[in-house]
Amino acid sequence: LEKIADELKYLFHYVSENKVKLNEETIKFYEKIINMFELFQSMHFNFSEKDAKLLVSQRKEVILTSEKLFNNLGKKEVRVLGNLVNASQLIYNMMGCSMSLRL
């Protein structure tokens, strides 16, 4: 959980220091990542198969959305999107670790 939070913290520092103006689509994308993070947090402490399936579904949506967004953003915003995609990958990868602890 700390690694994911750190990834988001570094992203906030970059946006703040570089005065990156995020468009509405990027903000909505960020909200999807936060939803994934909150779901993973909940699953970490109280695992459910239903939530695991939802997280997998959210990841697929994130990948499809990011592919569309990458082509329409400026250089600084692409970096932000890249960091958000990295955070989603961390969440997804750590879900596997969390699940293996439960088996």
PDB file of N, CA and C in Angstrom:
ATOM      1  N   LEU A   1       0.835  -1.200   0.000  1.00  0.00           N
ATOM      2  CA  LEU A   1       0.000   0.000   0.000  1.00  0.00           C
ATOM      3  C   LEU A   1       0.871   1.251   0.000  1.00  0.00           C
ATOM      4  N   GLU A   2       1.969   1.176   0.723  1.00  0.00           N
ATOM      5  CA  GLU A   2       2.870   2.326   0.805  1.00  0.00           C
ATOM      6  C   GLU A   2       3.502   2.642  -0.556  1.00  0.00           C
ATOM      7  N   LYS A   3       3.870   1.619  -1.320  1.00  0.00           N
ATOM      8  CA  LYS A   3       4.458   1.839  -2.652  1.00  0.00           C
ATOM      9  C   LYS A   3       3.480   2.568  -3.569  1.00  0.00           C
ATOM     10  N   ILE A   4       2.223   2.165  -3.514  1.00  0.00           N
ATOM     11  CA  ILE A   4       1.205   2.801  -4.348  1.00  0.00           C
ATOM     12  C   ILE A   4       1.009   4.250  -3.920  1.00  0.00           C
ATOM     13  N   ALA A   5       0.913   4.471  -2.621  1.00  0.00           N
ATOM     14  CA  ALA A   5       0.755   5.833  -2.100  1.00  0.00           C
ATOM     15  C   ALA A   5       1.954   6.698  -2.482  1.00  0.00           C
ATOM     16  N   ASP A   6       3.155   6.124  -2.444  1.00  0.00           N
ATOM     17  CA  ASP A   6       4.348   6.872  -2.848  1.00  0.00           C
ATOM     18  C   ASP A   6       4.286   7.274  -4.315  1.00  0.00           C
ATOM     19  N   GLU A   7       3.848   6.360  -5.161  1.00  0.00           N
ATOM     20  CA  GLU A   7       3.727   6.661  -6.601  1.00  0.00           C
ATOM     21  C   GLU A   7       2.800   7.859  -6.813  1.00  0.00           C
ATOM     22  N   LEU A   8       1.699   7.869  -6.098  1.00  0.00           N
ATOM     23  CA  LEU A   8       0.748   8.983  -6.218  1.00  0.00           C
ATOM     24  C   LEU A   8       1.323  10.264  -5.619  1.00  0.00           C
ATOM     25  N   LYS A   9       2.065  10.139  -4.530  1.00  0.00           N
ATOM     26  CA  LYS A   9       2.690  11.306  -3.906  1.00  0.00           C
ATOM     27  C   LYS A   9       3.688  11.958  -4.873  1.00  0.00           C
ATOM     28  N   TYR A  10       4.526  11.153  -5.528  1.00  0.00           N
ATOM     29  CA  TYR A  10       5.496  11.693  -6.484  1.00  0.00           C
ATOM     30  C   TYR A  10       4.774  12.378  -7.644  1.00  0.00           C
ATOM     31  N   LEU A  11       3.667  11.811  -8.031  1.00  0.00           N
ATOM     32  CA  LEU A  11       2.868  12.409  -9.092  1.00  0.00           C
ATOM     33  C   LEU A  11       2.355  13.785  -8.673  1.00  0.00           C
ATOM     34  N   PHE A  12       1.844  13.901  -7.461  1.00  0.00           N
ATOM     35  CA  PHE A  12       1.353  15.187  -6.966  1.00  0.00           C
ATOM     36  C   PHE A  12       2.467  16.224  -6.944  1.00  0.00           C
ATOM     37  N   HIS A  13       3.664  15.800  -6.524  1.00  0.00           N
ATOM     38  CA  HIS A  13       4.799  16.727  -6.503  1.00  0.00           C
ATOM     39  C   HIS A  13       5.123  17.212  -7.917  1.00  0.00           C
ATOM     40  N   TYR A  14       5.129  16.302  -8.873  1.00  0.00           N
ATOM     41  CA  TYR A  14       5.417  16.678 -10.257  1.00  0.00           C
ATOM     42  C   TYR A  14       4.391  17.669 -10.783  1.00  0.00           C
ATOM     43  N   VAL A  15       3.109  17.375 -10.569  1.00  0.00           N
ATOM     44  CA  VAL A  15       2.040  18.263 -11.047  1.00  0.00           C
ATOM     45  C   VAL A  15       2.155  19.635 -10.405  1.00  0.00           C
ATOM     46  N   SER A  16       2.410  19.651  -9.116  1.00  0.00           N
ATOM     47  CA  SER A  16       2.513  20.912  -8.378  1.00  0.00           C
ATOM     48  C   SER A  16       3.734  21.730  -8.807  1.00  0.00           C
ATOM     49  N   GLU A  17       4.886  21.086  -8.849  1.00  0.00           N
ATOM     50  CA  GLU A  17       6.128  21.793  -9.184  1.00  0.00           C
ATOM     51  C   GLU A  17       6.151  22.283 -10.623  1.00  0.00           C
ATOM     52  N   ASN A  18       5.509  21.572 -11.515  1.00  0.00           N
ATOM     53  CA  ASN A  18       5.525  21.932 -12.937  1.00  0.00           C
ATOM     54  C   ASN A  18       4.256  22.632 -13.393  1.00  0.00           C
ATOM     55  N   LYS A  19       3.379  22.909 -12.432  1.00  0.00           N
ATOM     56  CA  LYS A  19       2.129  23.624 -12.720  1.00  0.00           C
ATOM     57  C   LYS A  19       1.401  23.014 -13.918  1.00  0.00           C
ATOM     58  N   VAL A  20       1.264  21.693 -13.874  1.00  0.00           N
ATOM     59  CA  VAL A  20       0.605  20.968 -14.946  1.00  0.00           C
ATOM     60  C   VAL A  20      -0.895  21.162 -14.819  1.00  0.00           C
ATOM     61  N   LYS A  21      -1.503  21.642 -15.893  1.00  0.00           N
ATOM     62  CA  LYS A  21      -2.956  21.796 -15.924  1.00  0.00           C
ATOM     63  C   LYS A  21      -3.534  20.521 -16.525  1.00  0.00           C
ATOM     64  N   LEU A  22      -4.344  19.833 -15.733  1.00  0.00           N
ATOM     65  CA  LEU A  22      -4.921  18.567 -16.180  1.00  0.00           C
ATOM     66  C   LEU A  22      -6.293  18.794 -16.799  1.00  0.00           C
ATOM     67  N   ASN A  23      -6.525  18.135 -17.928  1.00  0.00           N
ATOM     68  CA  ASN A  23      -7.847  18.255 -18.540  1.00  0.00           C
ATOM     69  C   ASN A  23      -8.838  17.338 -17.826  1.00  0.00           C
ATOM     70  N   GLU A  24     -10.079  17.473 -18.150  1.00  0.00           N
ATOM     71  CA  GLU A  24     -11.150  16.737 -17.468  1.00  0.00           C
ATOM     72  C   GLU A  24     -10.988  15.219 -17.614  1.00  0.00           C
ATOM     73  N   GLU A  25     -10.562  14.764 -18.788  1.00  0.00           N
ATOM     74  CA  GLU A  25     -10.388  13.326 -19.004  1.00  0.00           C
ATOM     75  C   GLU A  25      -9.299  12.748 -18.108  1.00  0.00           C
ATOM     76  N   THR A  26      -8.211  13.486 -17.929  1.00  0.00           N
ATOM     77  CA  THR A  26      -7.120  13.025 -17.075  1.00  0.00           C
ATOM     78  C   THR A  26      -7.566  13.003 -15.615  1.00  0.00           C
ATOM     79  N   ILE A  27      -8.347  13.980 -15.211  1.00  0.00           N
ATOM     80  CA  ILE A  27      -8.864  14.005 -13.837  1.00  0.00           C
ATOM     81  C   ILE A  27      -9.784  12.806 -13.604  1.00  0.00           C
ATOM     82  N   LYS A  28     -10.633  12.490 -14.568  1.00  0.00           N
ATOM     83  CA  LYS A  28     -11.502  11.316 -14.438  1.00  0.00           C
ATOM     84  C   LYS A  28     -10.674  10.032 -14.381  1.00  0.00           C
ATOM     85  N   PHE A  29      -9.597   9.998 -15.157  1.00  0.00           N
ATOM     86  CA  PHE A  29      -8.702   8.841 -15.144  1.00  0.00           C
ATOM     87  C   PHE A  29      -8.059   8.695 -13.762  1.00  0.00           C
ATOM     88  N   TYR A  30      -7.631   9.809 -13.206  1.00  0.00           N
ATOM     89  CA  TYR A  30      -7.067   9.812 -11.857  1.00  0.00           C
ATOM     90  C   TYR A  30      -8.081   9.248 -10.856  1.00  0.00           C
ATOM     91  N   GLU A  31      -9.323   9.653 -10.982  1.00  0.00           N
ATOM     92  CA  GLU A  31     -10.374   9.163 -10.079  1.00  0.00           C
ATOM     93  C   GLU A  31     -10.541   7.648 -10.197  1.00  0.00           C
ATOM     94  N   LYS A  32     -10.381   7.107 -11.408  1.00  0.00           N
ATOM     95  CA  LYS A  32     -10.454   5.652 -11.587  1.00  0.00           C
ATOM     96  C   LYS A  32      -9.324   4.960 -10.824  1.00  0.00           C
ATOM     97  N   ILE A  33      -8.145   5.546 -10.876  1.00  0.00           N
ATOM     98  CA  ILE A  33      -7.000   4.953 -10.183  1.00  0.00           C
ATOM     99  C   ILE A  33      -7.223   5.004  -8.672  1.00  0.00           C
ATOM    100  N   ILE A  34      -7.758   6.114  -8.184  1.00  0.00           N
ATOM    101  CA  ILE A  34      -8.048   6.233  -6.754  1.00  0.00           C
ATOM    102  C   ILE A  34      -9.097   5.196  -6.345  1.00  0.00           C
ATOM    103  N   ASN A  35     -10.104   4.983  -7.183  1.00  0.00           N
ATOM    104  CA  ASN A  35     -11.107   3.948  -6.900  1.00  0.00           C
ATOM    105  C   ASN A  35     -10.462   2.568  -6.828  1.00  0.00           C
ATOM    106  N   MET A  36      -9.527   2.296  -7.752  1.00  0.00           N
ATOM    107  CA  MET A  36      -8.812   1.024  -7.716  1.00  0.00           C
ATOM    108  C   MET A  36      -8.020   0.887  -6.417  1.00  0.00           C
ATOM    109  N   PHE A  37      -7.349   1.969  -6.038  1.00  0.00           N
ATOM    110  CA  PHE A  37      -6.534   1.954  -4.826  1.00  0.00           C
ATOM    111  C   PHE A  37      -7.400   1.694  -3.594  1.00  0.00           C
ATOM    112  N   GLU A  38      -8.523   2.364  -3.521  1.00  0.00           N
ATOM    113  CA  GLU A  38      -9.421   2.178  -2.378  1.00  0.00           C
ATOM    114  C   GLU A  38      -9.981   0.759  -2.336  1.00  0.00           C
ATOM    115  N   LEU A  39     -10.309   0.210  -3.500  1.00  0.00           N
ATOM    116  CA  LEU A  39     -10.809  -1.159  -3.562  1.00  0.00           C
ATOM    117  C   LEU A  39      -9.721  -2.134  -3.121  1.00  0.00           C
ATOM    118  N   PHE A  40      -8.499  -1.913  -3.602  1.00  0.00           N
ATOM    119  CA  PHE A  40      -7.397  -2.788  -3.211  1.00  0.00           C
ATOM    120  C   PHE A  40      -7.144  -2.699  -1.707  1.00  0.00           C
ATOM    121  N   GLN A  41      -7.179  -1.501  -1.181  1.00  0.00           N
ATOM    122  CA  GLN A  41      -6.995  -1.314   0.257  1.00  0.00           C
ATOM    123  C   GLN A  41      -8.026  -2.127   1.028  1.00  0.00           C
ATOM    124  N   SER A  42      -9.256  -2.031   0.616  1.00  0.00           N
ATOM    125  CA  SER A  42     -10.339  -2.767   1.260  1.00  0.00           C
ATOM    126  C   SER A  42     -10.107  -4.271   1.139  1.00  0.00           C
ATOM    127  N   MET A  43      -9.708  -4.716  -0.059  1.00  0.00           N
ATOM    128  CA  MET A  43      -9.450  -6.142  -0.289  1.00  0.00           C
ATOM    129  C   MET A  43      -8.277  -6.649   0.531  1.00  0.00           C
ATOM    130  N   HIS A  44      -7.291  -5.798   0.737  1.00  0.00           N
ATOM    131  CA  HIS A  44      -6.101  -6.199   1.482  1.00  0.00           C
ATOM    132  C   HIS A  44      -6.476  -6.621   2.896  1.00  0.00           C
ATOM    133  N   PHE A  45      -7.421  -5.929   3.467  1.00  0.00           N
ATOM    134  CA  PHE A  45      -7.819  -6.206   4.840  1.00  0.00           C
ATOM    135  C   PHE A  45      -9.034  -7.136   4.943  1.00  0.00           C
ATOM    136  N   ASN A  46      -9.822  -7.206   3.868  1.00  0.00           N
ATOM    137  CA  ASN A  46     -11.026  -8.038   3.897  1.00  0.00           C
ATOM    138  C   ASN A  46     -11.262  -8.572   2.484  1.00  0.00           C
ATOM    139  N   PHE A  47     -10.523  -9.622   2.121  1.00  0.00           N
ATOM    140  CA  PHE A  47     -10.551 -10.141   0.757  1.00  0.00           C
ATOM    141  C   PHE A  47     -11.924 -10.694   0.381  1.00  0.00           C
ATOM    142  N   SER A  48     -12.337 -10.396  -0.855  1.00  0.00           N
ATOM    143  CA  SER A  48     -13.527 -11.025  -1.418  1.00  0.00           C
ATOM    144  C   SER A  48     -13.282 -11.274  -2.906  1.00  0.00           C
ATOM    145  N   GLU A  49     -13.764 -12.395  -3.383  1.00  0.00           N
ATOM    146  CA  GLU A  49     -13.598 -12.749  -4.792  1.00  0.00           C
ATOM    147  C   GLU A  49     -14.315 -11.744  -5.687  1.00  0.00           C
ATOM    148  N   LYS A  50     -15.457 -11.257  -5.229  1.00  0.00           N
ATOM    149  CA  LYS A  50     -16.232 -10.272  -5.998  1.00  0.00           C
ATOM    150  C   LYS A  50     -15.404  -9.009  -6.225  1.00  0.00           C
ATOM    151  N   ASP A  51     -14.748  -8.524  -5.175  1.00  0.00           N
ATOM    152  CA  ASP A  51     -13.918  -7.330  -5.299  1.00  0.00           C
ATOM    153  C   ASP A  51     -12.705  -7.575  -6.189  1.00  0.00           C
ATOM    154  N   ALA A  52     -12.134  -8.780  -6.108  1.00  0.00           N
ATOM    155  CA  ALA A  52     -10.997  -9.125  -6.967  1.00  0.00           C
ATOM    156  C   ALA A  52     -11.404  -9.068  -8.436  1.00  0.00           C
ATOM    157  N   LYS A  53     -12.568  -9.598  -8.752  1.00  0.00           N
ATOM    158  CA  LYS A  53     -13.061  -9.557 -10.137  1.00  0.00           C
ATOM    159  C   LYS A  53     -13.325  -8.120 -10.580  1.00  0.00           C
ATOM    160  N   LEU A  54     -13.861  -7.313  -9.670  1.00  0.00           N
ATOM    161  CA  LEU A  54     -14.104  -5.904  -9.985  1.00  0.00           C
ATOM    162  C   LEU A  54     -12.794  -5.177 -10.252  1.00  0.00           C
ATOM    163  N   LEU A  55     -11.765  -5.470  -9.468  1.00  0.00           N
ATOM    164  CA  LEU A  55     -10.466  -4.833  -9.663  1.00  0.00           C
ATOM    165  C   LEU A  55      -9.870  -5.213 -11.015  1.00  0.00           C
ATOM    166  N   VAL A  56     -10.000  -6.468 -11.413  1.00  0.00           N
ATOM    167  CA  VAL A  56      -9.516  -6.911 -12.726  1.00  0.00           C
ATOM    168  C   VAL A  56     -10.260  -6.161 -13.829  1.00  0.00           C
ATOM    169  N   SER A  57     -11.563  -6.010 -13.671  1.00  0.00           N
ATOM    170  CA  SER A  57     -12.376  -5.286 -14.647  1.00  0.00           C
ATOM    171  C   SER A  57     -11.952  -3.816 -14.727  1.00  0.00           C
ATOM    172  N   GLN A  58     -11.712  -3.209 -13.576  1.00  0.00           N
ATOM    173  CA  GLN A  58     -11.281  -1.808 -13.551  1.00  0.00           C
ATOM    174  C   GLN A  58      -9.931  -1.646 -14.242  1.00  0.00           C
ATOM    175  N   ARG A  59      -9.037  -2.597 -14.034  1.00  0.00           N
ATOM    176  CA  ARG A  59      -7.716  -2.525 -14.678  1.00  0.00           C
ATOM    177  C   ARG A  59      -7.855  -2.555 -16.193  1.00  0.00           C
ATOM    178  N   LYS A  60      -8.718  -3.443 -16.698  1.00  0.00           N
ATOM    179  CA  LYS A  60      -8.930  -3.518 -18.147  1.00  0.00           C
ATOM    180  C   LYS A  60      -9.451  -2.188 -18.678  1.00  0.00           C
ATOM    181  N   GLU A  61     -10.364  -1.582 -17.949  1.00  0.00           N
ATOM    182  CA  GLU A  61     -10.904  -0.283 -18.351  1.00  0.00           C
ATOM    183  C   GLU A  61      -9.820   0.790 -18.344  1.00  0.00           C
ATOM    184  N   VAL A  62      -8.946   0.751 -17.354  1.00  0.00           N
ATOM    185  CA  VAL A  62      -7.843   1.713 -17.262  1.00  0.00           C
ATOM    186  C   VAL A  62      -6.921   1.581 -18.463  1.00  0.00           C
ATOM    187  N   ILE A  63      -6.596   0.352 -18.838  1.00  0.00           N
ATOM    188  CA  ILE A  63      -5.705   0.131 -19.988  1.00  0.00           C
ATOM    189  C   ILE A  63      -6.340   0.682 -21.267  1.00  0.00           C
ATOM    190  N   LEU A  64      -7.607   0.364 -21.503  1.00  0.00           N
ATOM    191  CA  LEU A  64      -8.287   0.848 -22.716  1.00  0.00           C
ATOM    192  C   LEU A  64      -8.380   2.368 -22.736  1.00  0.00           C
ATOM    193  N   THR A  65      -8.717   2.956 -21.600  1.00  0.00           N
ATOM    194  CA  THR A  65      -8.842   4.411 -21.518  1.00  0.00           C
ATOM    195  C   THR A  65      -7.491   5.085 -21.736  1.00  0.00           C
ATOM    196  N   SER A  66      -6.451   4.541 -21.121  1.00  0.00           N
ATOM    197  CA  SER A  66      -5.125   5.163 -21.257  1.00  0.00           C
ATOM    198  C   SER A  66      -4.642   5.138 -22.701  1.00  0.00           C
ATOM    199  N   GLU A  67      -4.927   4.060 -23.419  1.00  0.00           N
ATOM    200  CA  GLU A  67      -4.509   3.975 -24.822  1.00  0.00           C
ATOM    201  C   GLU A  67      -5.128   5.097 -25.646  1.00  0.00           C
ATOM    202  N   LYS A  68      -6.367   5.431 -25.353  1.00  0.00           N
ATOM    203  CA  LYS A  68      -7.032   6.523 -26.068  1.00  0.00           C
ATOM    204  C   LYS A  68      -6.460   7.875 -25.657  1.00  0.00           C
ATOM    205  N   LEU A  69      -6.215   8.043 -24.358  1.00  0.00           N
ATOM    206  CA  LEU A  69      -5.758   9.343 -23.850  1.00  0.00           C
ATOM    207  C   LEU A  69      -4.335   9.679 -24.279  1.00  0.00           C
ATOM    208  N   PHE A  70      -3.448   8.698 -24.330  1.00  0.00           N
ATOM    209  CA  PHE A  70      -2.043   8.967 -24.644  1.00  0.00           C
ATOM    210  C   PHE A  70      -1.873   9.738 -25.944  1.00  0.00           C
ATOM    211  N   ASN A  71      -2.745   9.515 -26.899  1.00  0.00           N
ATOM    212  CA  ASN A  71      -2.617  10.167 -28.203  1.00  0.00           C
ATOM    213  C   ASN A  71      -3.124  11.606 -28.224  1.00  0.00           C
ATOM    214  N   ASN A  72      -3.811  12.030 -27.179  1.00  0.00           N
ATOM    215  CA  ASN A  72      -4.446  13.339 -27.211  1.00  0.00           C
ATOM    216  C   ASN A  72      -3.946  14.317 -26.150  1.00  0.00           C
ATOM    217  N   LEU A  73      -2.836  14.006 -25.511  1.00  0.00           N
ATOM    218  CA  LEU A  73      -2.365  14.848 -24.412  1.00  0.00           C
ATOM    219  C   LEU A  73      -1.019  15.481 -24.727  1.00  0.00           C
ATOM    220  N   GLY A  74      -0.761  16.589 -24.041  1.00  0.00           N
ATOM    221  CA  GLY A  74       0.541  17.241 -24.139  1.00  0.00           C
ATOM    222  C   GLY A  74       1.597  16.447 -23.388  1.00  0.00           C
ATOM    223  N   LYS A  75       2.859  16.833 -23.581  1.00  0.00           N
ATOM    224  CA  LYS A  75       3.988  16.091 -23.026  1.00  0.00           C
ATOM    225  C   LYS A  75       3.920  15.945 -21.500  1.00  0.00           C
ATOM    226  N   LYS A  76       3.635  17.019 -20.796  1.00  0.00           N
ATOM    227  CA  LYS A  76       3.586  16.955 -19.332  1.00  0.00           C
ATOM    228  C   LYS A  76       2.431  16.095 -18.846  1.00  0.00           C
ATOM    229  N   GLU A  77       1.316  16.207 -19.521  1.00  0.00           N
ATOM    230  CA  GLU A  77       0.153  15.434 -19.107  1.00  0.00           C
ATOM    231  C   GLU A  77       0.325  13.952 -19.438  1.00  0.00           C
ATOM    232  N   VAL A  78       1.070  13.638 -20.489  1.00  0.00           N
ATOM    233  CA  VAL A  78       1.375  12.247 -20.816  1.00  0.00           C
ATOM    234  C   VAL A  78       2.184  11.626 -19.682  1.00  0.00           C
ATOM    235  N   ARG A  79       3.112  12.404 -19.131  1.00  0.00           N
ATOM    236  CA  ARG A  79       3.895  11.893 -17.994  1.00  0.00           C
ATOM    237  C   ARG A  79       2.981  11.583 -16.806  1.00  0.00           C
ATOM    238  N   VAL A  80       2.033  12.463 -16.542  1.00  0.00           N
ATOM    239  CA  VAL A  80       1.079  12.242 -15.454  1.00  0.00           C
ATOM    240  C   VAL A  80       0.296  10.955 -15.717  1.00  0.00           C
ATOM    241  N   LEU A  81      -0.195  10.812 -16.927  1.00  0.00           N
ATOM    242  CA  LEU A  81      -0.950   9.622 -17.285  1.00  0.00           C
ATOM    243  C   LEU A  81      -0.088   8.369 -17.125  1.00  0.00           C
ATOM    244  N   GLY A  82       1.167   8.452 -17.522  1.00  0.00           N
ATOM    245  CA  GLY A  82       2.086   7.322 -17.367  1.00  0.00           C
ATOM    246  C   GLY A  82       2.237   6.915 -15.911  1.00  0.00           C
ATOM    247  N   ASN A  83       2.380   7.911 -15.033  1.00  0.00           N
ATOM    248  CA  ASN A  83       2.486   7.617 -13.598  1.00  0.00           C
ATOM    249  C   ASN A  83       1.206   6.959 -13.075  1.00  0.00           C
ATOM    250  N   LEU A  84       0.074   7.415 -13.546  1.00  0.00           N
ATOM    251  CA  LEU A  84      -1.191   6.832 -13.117  1.00  0.00           C
ATOM    252  C   LEU A  84      -1.318   5.382 -13.593  1.00  0.00           C
ATOM    253  N   VAL A  85      -0.883   5.123 -14.824  1.00  0.00           N
ATOM    254  CA  VAL A  85      -0.903   3.752 -15.343  1.00  0.00           C
ATOM    255  C   VAL A  85       0.043   2.889 -14.500  1.00  0.00           C
ATOM    256  N   ASN A  86       1.216   3.429 -14.141  1.00  0.00           N
ATOM    257  CA  ASN A  86       2.148   2.691 -13.278  1.00  0.00           C
ATOM    258  C   ASN A  86       1.494   2.353 -11.939  1.00  0.00           C
ATOM    259  N   ALA A  87       0.786   3.295 -11.376  1.00  0.00           N
ATOM    260  CA  ALA A  87       0.098   3.058 -10.101  1.00  0.00           C
ATOM    261  C   ALA A  87      -0.930   1.947 -10.264  1.00  0.00           C
ATOM    262  N   SER A  88      -1.657   1.947 -11.381  1.00  0.00           N
ATOM    263  CA  SER A  88      -2.656   0.893 -11.596  1.00  0.00           C
ATOM    264  C   SER A  88      -1.983  -0.465 -11.731  1.00  0.00           C
ATOM    265  N   GLN A  89      -0.806  -0.503 -12.368  1.00  0.00           N
ATOM    266  CA  GLN A  89      -0.062  -1.766 -12.492  1.00  0.00           C
ATOM    267  C   GLN A  89       0.407  -2.257 -11.127  1.00  0.00           C
ATOM    268  N   LEU A  90       0.893  -1.334 -10.299  1.00  0.00           N
ATOM    269  CA  LEU A  90       1.299  -1.716  -8.942  1.00  0.00           C
ATOM    270  C   LEU A  90       0.124  -2.325  -8.188  1.00  0.00           C
ATOM    271  N   ILE A  91      -1.017  -1.689  -8.283  1.00  0.00           N
ATOM    272  CA  ILE A  91      -2.216  -2.191  -7.608  1.00  0.00           C
ATOM    273  C   ILE A  91      -2.538  -3.601  -8.097  1.00  0.00           C
ATOM    274  N   TYR A  92      -2.558  -3.765  -9.406  1.00  0.00           N
ATOM    275  CA  TYR A  92      -2.909  -5.061  -9.984  1.00  0.00           C
ATOM    276  C   TYR A  92      -1.895  -6.133  -9.587  1.00  0.00           C
ATOM    277  N   ASN A  93      -0.612  -5.810  -9.672  1.00  0.00           N
ATOM    278  CA  ASN A  93       0.428  -6.782  -9.333  1.00  0.00           C
ATOM    279  C   ASN A  93       0.387  -7.155  -7.854  1.00  0.00           C
ATOM    280  N   MET A  94       0.128  -6.178  -7.027  1.00  0.00           N
ATOM    281  CA  MET A  94       0.085  -6.443  -5.592  1.00  0.00           C
ATOM    282  C   MET A  94      -1.165  -7.231  -5.211  1.00  0.00           C
ATOM    283  N   MET A  95      -2.199  -7.151  -6.015  1.00  0.00           N
ATOM    284  CA  MET A  95      -3.389  -7.943  -5.761  1.00  0.00           C
ATOM    285  C   MET A  95      -3.030  -9.430  -5.799  1.00  0.00           C
ATOM    286  N   GLY A  96      -2.192  -9.809  -6.737  1.00  0.00           N
ATOM    287  CA  GLY A  96      -1.761 -11.204  -6.819  1.00  0.00           C
ATOM    288  C   GLY A  96      -1.016 -11.642  -5.570  1.00  0.00           C
ATOM    289  N   CYS A  97      -0.145 -10.770  -5.069  1.00  0.00           N
ATOM    290  CA  CYS A  97       0.580 -11.078  -3.826  1.00  0.00           C
ATOM    291  C   CYS A  97      -0.394 -11.221  -2.668  1.00  0.00           C
ATOM    292  N   SER A  98      -1.323 -10.313  -2.598  1.00  0.00           N
ATOM    293  CA  SER A  98      -2.307 -10.332  -1.517  1.00  0.00           C
ATOM    294  C   SER A  98      -3.158 -11.598  -1.587  1.00  0.00           C
ATOM    295  N   MET A  99      -3.545 -11.982  -2.785  1.00  0.00           N
ATOM    296  CA  MET A  99      -4.361 -13.190  -2.951  1.00  0.00           C
ATOM    297  C   MET A  99      -3.577 -14.432  -2.557  1.00  0.00           C
ATOM    298  N   SER A 100      -2.304 -14.478  -2.908  1.00  0.00           N
ATOM    299  CA  SER A 100      -1.500 -15.674  -2.586  1.00  0.00           C
ATOM    300  C   SER A 100      -1.332 -15.842  -1.080  1.00  0.00           C
ATOM    301  N   LEU A 101      -1.361 -14.758  -0.347  1.00  0.00           N
ATOM    302  CA  LEU A 101      -1.277 -14.839   1.112  1.00  0.00           C
ATOM    303  C   LEU A 101      -2.550 -15.445   1.707  1.00  0.00           C
ATOM    304  N   ARG A 102      -3.644 -15.318   1.008  1.00  0.00           N
ATOM    305  CA  ARG A 102      -4.934 -15.802   1.502  1.00  0.00           C
ATOM    306  C   ARG A 102      -5.160 -17.285   1.193  1.00  0.00           C
ATOM    307  N   LEU A 103      -4.392 -17.818   0.233  1.00  0.00           N
ATOM    308  CA  LEU A 103      -4.612 -19.227  -0.183  1.00  0.00           C
ATOM    309  C   LEU A 103      -3.938 -20.203   0.735  1.00  0.00           C
TER     310      LEU A 103
END
